[in-house]
Amino acid sequence: MSPRLQLAAGAVLVSGITVEALAGSSRLSGPVIITFSPTHGVHVDDVAVVLAWLVCMVWVVRQWRRSP
């Protein structure tokens, strides 16, 4: 499998995991920091998940540019 195909697959998988992490909530999610409705909002851990996703995507882009 080519390096770029591997990077694309990794980006898709990380993005899927991110969506799952953002869609769910648990007692470990922390307090709600932004409320959209009585049942929807942004938890503290959502910020960490988005930052981790962003770091992964920056790494993928950098590797993509280096690969043949």
Protein backbone atom coordinates (compact mmCIF):
# COMPACT_ATOMS: atom_id res chain seq x y z
CA MET A 1 0.00 0.00 0.00
CA SER A 2 1.36 3.43 -0.88
CA PRO A 3 2.37 5.84 1.89
CA ARG A 4 -0.25 8.39 0.83
CA LEU A 5 -3.00 5.80 0.89
CA GLN A 6 -1.91 4.80 4.39
CA LEU A 7 -1.97 8.44 5.49
CA ALA A 8 -5.44 8.94 4.00
CA ALA A 9 -6.70 5.79 5.75
CA GLY A 10 -5.22 7.00 9.04
CA ALA A 11 -6.85 10.41 8.65
CA VAL A 12 -10.23 8.79 7.99
CA LEU A 13 -9.88 6.50 11.01
CA VAL A 14 -8.79 9.29 13.36
CA SER A 15 -11.64 11.47 12.10
CA GLY A 16 -14.14 8.67 12.69
CA ILE A 17 -12.89 8.14 16.23
CA THR A 18 -13.12 11.89 16.80
CA VAL A 19 -16.74 11.99 15.65
CA GLU A 20 -17.58 9.11 17.98
CA ALA A 21 -15.83 10.83 20.89
CA LEU A 22 -17.63 14.12 20.26
CA ALA A 23 -21.05 12.54 19.79
CA GLY A 24 -21.03 10.66 23.07
CA SER A 25 -20.93 11.85 26.64
CA SER A 26 -20.20 10.23 29.96
CA ARG A 27 -19.55 11.19 33.53
CA LEU A 28 -15.90 11.60 32.49
CA SER A 29 -16.78 14.26 29.89
CA GLY A 30 -16.46 17.05 32.39
CA PRO A 31 -18.71 20.05 32.74
CA VAL A 32 -20.51 21.65 29.83
CA ILE A 33 -18.72 24.85 28.80
CA ILE A 34 -21.05 25.87 25.94
CA THR A 35 -24.74 24.93 25.84
CA PHE A 36 -26.64 24.68 22.55
CA SER A 37 -29.83 23.18 23.96
CA PRO A 38 -30.89 21.37 27.13
CA THR A 39 -29.47 18.11 25.72
CA HIS A 40 -26.55 19.32 23.56
CA GLY A 41 -23.39 21.20 24.35
CA VAL A 42 -19.60 21.28 24.37
CA HIS A 43 -17.91 19.48 27.25
CA VAL A 44 -14.39 20.11 28.51
CA ASP A 45 -13.13 16.85 27.01
CA ASP A 46 -14.48 17.85 23.58
CA VAL A 47 -11.85 20.58 23.46
CA ALA A 48 -9.09 18.02 24.14
CA VAL A 49 -10.49 15.68 21.48
CA VAL A 50 -10.56 18.42 18.85
CA LEU A 51 -7.02 19.52 19.72
CA ALA A 52 -5.77 15.92 19.46
CA TRP A 53 -7.52 15.56 16.09
CA LEU A 54 -5.93 18.80 14.89
CA VAL A 55 -2.45 17.62 15.90
CA CYS A 56 -3.03 14.35 14.01
CA MET A 57 -4.22 16.16 10.90
CA VAL A 58 -1.22 18.52 10.94
CA TRP A 59 1.05 15.48 11.19
CA VAL A 60 -0.78 13.77 8.28
CA VAL A 61 -0.43 16.86 6.09
CA ARG A 62 3.28 17.15 6.88
CA GLN A 63 3.85 13.48 6.09
CA TRP A 64 1.76 13.75 2.92
CA ARG A 65 4.01 16.55 1.65
CA ARG A 66 7.14 14.47 2.37
CA SER A 67 5.87 11.28 0.72
CA PRO A 68 6.45 10.52 -2.96
